[in-house]
Amino acid sequence: MSDSLISADLTIEGDIKSDGNLTVDGRVVGNVSCINVTINSGGFIQGNIQAHHLVSLGSISGEIHAKSVDLKEGSTTKTNLESANLQVSSGAVLQGTVNISGASTQP
């Protein structure tokens, strides 16, 4: 499985699809479909996210469909979220609707 990085000085406008891992330190304006997505502090995704596992310390604006979602302290998420497993740390901001289900989500 390959690892891809969107660095802090990079903005991607368009959809991203990968069978690997994606780490976002910069900005993505578009939909993201990857196995594992990590948004670091200062990272931002404006678009829908589909993944097996999502970890965010940054900002998200868009729908999330993931088997597992972990929103860390300092993250800001405005979303309609569907997941089998959701963790929201103290200090994380989550705004929107949440649907917890056992259904599997395909990236």
Protein backbone atom coordinates (compact mmCIF):
# COMPACT_ATOMS: atom_id res chain seq x y z
CA MET A 1 0.00 0.00 0.00
CA SER A 2 1.47 3.34 -1.02
CA ASP A 3 1.62 6.54 1.04
CA SER A 4 0.81 9.94 -0.47
CA LEU A 5 1.35 13.36 1.12
CA ILE A 6 -0.21 16.70 0.33
CA SER A 7 2.29 19.09 1.89
CA ALA A 8 1.39 22.26 3.78
CA ASP A 9 2.26 24.52 0.84
CA LEU A 10 0.09 22.58 -1.63
CA THR A 11 -3.57 23.06 -2.65
CA ILE A 12 -5.24 20.36 -4.75
CA GLU A 13 -8.42 21.28 -6.64
CA GLY A 14 -10.07 18.10 -7.88
CA ASP A 15 -10.94 14.61 -6.70
CA ILE A 16 -8.36 12.23 -5.23
CA LYS A 17 -8.66 8.43 -5.41
CA SER A 18 -6.06 5.99 -4.10
CA ASP A 19 -5.80 2.40 -2.93
CA GLY A 20 -3.30 3.59 -0.34
CA ASN A 21 -2.87 6.05 2.50
CA LEU A 22 -3.25 9.82 2.19
CA THR A 23 -1.87 12.40 4.61
CA VAL A 24 -3.09 15.99 4.21
CA ASP A 25 -1.02 18.85 5.61
CA GLY A 26 -2.24 21.28 2.92
CA ARG A 27 -5.65 21.89 1.30
CA VAL A 28 -7.90 19.68 -0.81
CA VAL A 29 -10.94 21.11 -2.59
CA GLY A 30 -12.60 18.00 -3.97
CA ASN A 31 -13.72 14.51 -2.99
CA VAL A 32 -11.27 12.03 -1.42
CA SER A 33 -11.48 8.24 -1.65
CA CYS A 34 -8.59 6.34 0.01
CA ILE A 35 -8.01 3.41 2.35
CA ASN A 36 -6.67 5.56 5.21
CA VAL A 37 -6.91 9.35 5.41
CA THR A 38 -5.03 11.47 7.97
CA ILE A 39 -5.59 15.22 8.14
CA ASN A 40 -2.92 16.88 10.21
CA SER A 41 -3.23 20.16 12.09
CA GLY A 42 -3.48 22.91 9.48
CA GLY A 43 -4.76 20.46 6.86
CA PHE A 44 -8.17 21.01 5.26
CA ILE A 45 -10.52 19.00 3.06
CA GLN A 46 -13.55 20.66 1.47
CA GLY A 47 -15.37 17.75 -0.14
CA ASN A 48 -16.70 14.30 0.60
CA ILE A 49 -14.43 11.69 2.17
CA GLN A 50 -14.77 7.93 1.72
CA ALA A 51 -12.27 5.76 3.61
CA HIS A 52 -11.82 2.75 5.81
CA HIS A 53 -10.14 4.83 8.51
CA LEU A 54 -10.10 8.61 8.96
CA VAL A 55 -8.07 10.52 11.56
CA SER A 56 -8.40 14.31 11.70
CA LEU A 57 -6.49 16.97 13.59
CA GLY A 58 -7.39 19.53 10.92
CA SER A 59 -10.58 20.77 9.27
CA ILE A 60 -13.24 19.01 7.20
CA SER A 61 -16.25 20.43 5.38
CA GLY A 62 -18.19 17.72 3.55
CA GLU A 63 -19.76 14.30 3.97
CA ILE A 64 -17.81 11.48 5.59
CA HIS A 65 -18.37 7.77 4.96
CA ALA A 66 -15.79 5.69 6.83
CA LYS A 67 -15.64 2.47 8.81
CA SER A 68 -13.71 4.24 11.57
CA VAL A 69 -13.46 7.98 12.32
CA ASP A 70 -11.20 9.55 14.97
CA LEU A 71 -11.61 13.32 15.48
CA LYS A 72 -8.71 14.57 17.58
CA GLU A 73 -8.37 17.63 19.81
CA GLY A 74 -8.22 20.80 17.73
CA SER A 75 -10.06 19.36 14.73
CA THR A 76 -13.11 21.09 13.24
CA THR A 77 -15.61 19.01 11.28
CA LYS A 78 -18.78 20.24 9.55
CA THR A 79 -20.37 17.14 8.07
CA ASN A 80 -22.98 14.51 7.59
CA LEU A 81 -21.07 11.54 8.95
CA GLU A 82 -21.71 7.81 8.54
CA SER A 83 -19.44 5.37 10.34
CA ALA A 84 -19.40 2.10 12.27
CA ASN A 85 -16.98 3.52 14.85
CA LEU A 86 -16.64 7.17 15.93
CA GLN A 87 -14.25 8.69 18.46
CA VAL A 88 -14.43 12.40 19.27
CA SER A 89 -11.70 13.68 21.57
CA SER A 90 -12.22 16.48 24.05
CA GLY A 91 -11.52 19.77 22.27
CA ALA A 92 -12.68 18.52 18.85
CA VAL A 93 -15.57 20.34 17.17
CA LEU A 94 -18.21 18.27 15.35
CA GLN A 95 -21.16 19.99 13.65
CA GLY A 96 -23.75 18.14 11.57
CA THR A 97 -25.51 14.80 11.57
CA VAL A 98 -24.06 11.48 12.67
CA ASN A 99 -25.24 8.00 11.68
CA ILE A 100 -23.53 5.10 13.44
CA SER A 101 -24.10 1.78 11.69
CA GLY A 102 -22.39 -1.57 11.31
CA ALA A 103 -22.46 -1.28 7.52
CA SER A 104 -19.14 -1.60 5.73
CA THR A 105 -17.93 1.41 3.78
CA GLN A 106 -15.93 0.94 0.57
CA PRO A 107 -13.38 3.59 -0.41
